[in-house]
Every structure is written in structure tokens, then in C-alpha cells.
């Protein structure tokens, strides 16, 4: 993570958070199974968005390192 800018690091952690929340609220693989139905509905899009955000964070790198 030393090669990433501050913005790239924040984008990475936001994507990681989205992915982990999506996995946590997923009914088949998650740990929180008795949550509201709306959270389990948005779990798969949250996982996909999180992965896209993590991939996007790779474009924010320092040129010096």
C-alpha cells in the first residue's frame, strides 16, 4: 500500500468495507442471517460494487515509488 496515494488508500478501504458488509449480510455465505430482508437483497450488489472499487483504487498510485 506504500505505492498508493492517500485517495487510493481511502478508495481501497471503502471498497473493502462494501465487500465485507455484502458478505456479512449474504444469506448463503454470511454470518448475519436474521437481519432485515433489505440488507440481504443488497448484499450481492454490495459485493460487486466493493470489488469494482478495490480494482479502481489501483489506478491511484504514486509515480515516484
Protein backbone atom coordinates (compact mmCIF):
# COMPACT_ATOMS: atom_id res chain seq x y z
CA UNK A 1 0.00 0.00 0.00
CA UNK A 2 3.03 2.32 0.03
CA UNK A 3 2.74 2.90 -3.69
CA UNK A 4 -0.83 4.23 -3.46
CA UNK A 5 -1.85 7.84 -2.87
CA UNK A 6 -3.96 8.84 0.13
CA UNK A 7 -7.04 8.92 -2.09
CA UNK A 8 -6.20 5.47 -3.44
CA UNK A 9 -5.90 4.10 0.09
CA UNK A 10 -9.27 5.57 1.10
CA UNK A 11 -10.91 4.21 -2.03
CA UNK A 12 -9.45 0.77 -1.29
CA UNK A 13 -10.75 0.72 2.27
CA UNK A 14 -14.20 1.90 1.14
CA UNK A 15 -14.32 -0.95 -1.37
CA UNK A 16 -13.13 -3.40 1.25
CA UNK A 17 -15.87 -2.20 3.60
CA UNK A 18 -18.55 -2.60 0.91
CA UNK A 19 -17.34 -6.12 0.15
CA UNK A 20 -17.22 -7.20 3.79
CA UNK A 21 -20.69 -5.80 4.53
CA UNK A 22 -22.06 -7.57 1.46
CA UNK A 23 -20.55 -10.86 2.55
CA UNK A 24 -21.73 -10.43 6.14
CA UNK A 25 -25.36 -9.88 5.15
CA UNK A 26 -25.50 -12.53 2.43
CA UNK A 27 -27.87 -15.33 3.41
CA UNK A 28 -25.88 -18.20 1.93
CA UNK A 29 -22.32 -17.28 2.98
CA UNK A 30 -22.80 -14.53 5.56
CA UNK A 31 -22.72 -14.61 9.32
CA UNK A 32 -25.72 -12.34 9.90
CA UNK A 33 -28.70 -14.39 8.69
CA UNK A 34 -31.51 -12.91 10.79
CA UNK A 35 -31.12 -9.32 9.56
CA UNK A 36 -33.70 -7.34 7.63
CA UNK A 37 -34.63 -8.58 4.18
CA UNK A 38 -33.48 -5.35 2.53
CA UNK A 39 -29.89 -5.98 3.62
CA UNK A 40 -29.80 -9.46 2.15
CA UNK A 41 -31.30 -8.08 -1.07
CA UNK A 42 -28.47 -5.59 -1.48
CA UNK A 43 -25.69 -7.97 -0.43
CA UNK A 44 -24.73 -9.19 -3.92
CA UNK A 45 -24.66 -5.68 -5.47
CA UNK A 46 -22.61 -4.52 -2.48
CA UNK A 47 -20.07 -7.29 -3.08
CA UNK A 48 -19.82 -6.43 -6.78
CA UNK A 49 -19.52 -2.68 -6.13
CA UNK A 50 -16.87 -3.30 -3.48
CA UNK A 51 -14.76 -5.41 -5.84
CA UNK A 52 -15.04 -2.75 -8.57
CA UNK A 53 -13.99 -0.03 -6.11
CA UNK A 54 -10.98 -2.09 -4.94
CA UNK A 55 -9.89 -2.61 -8.56
CA UNK A 56 -10.38 1.11 -9.24
CA UNK A 57 -8.09 2.02 -6.34
CA UNK A 58 -5.14 0.51 -8.23
CA UNK A 59 -5.21 3.45 -10.64
CA UNK A 60 -4.27 5.89 -7.85
CA UNK A 61 -0.58 5.24 -7.45
CA UNK A 62 2.44 7.45 -6.77
CA UNK A 63 4.76 7.97 -9.70
CA UNK A 64 7.91 8.15 -7.51
CA UNK A 65 7.86 4.68 -5.96
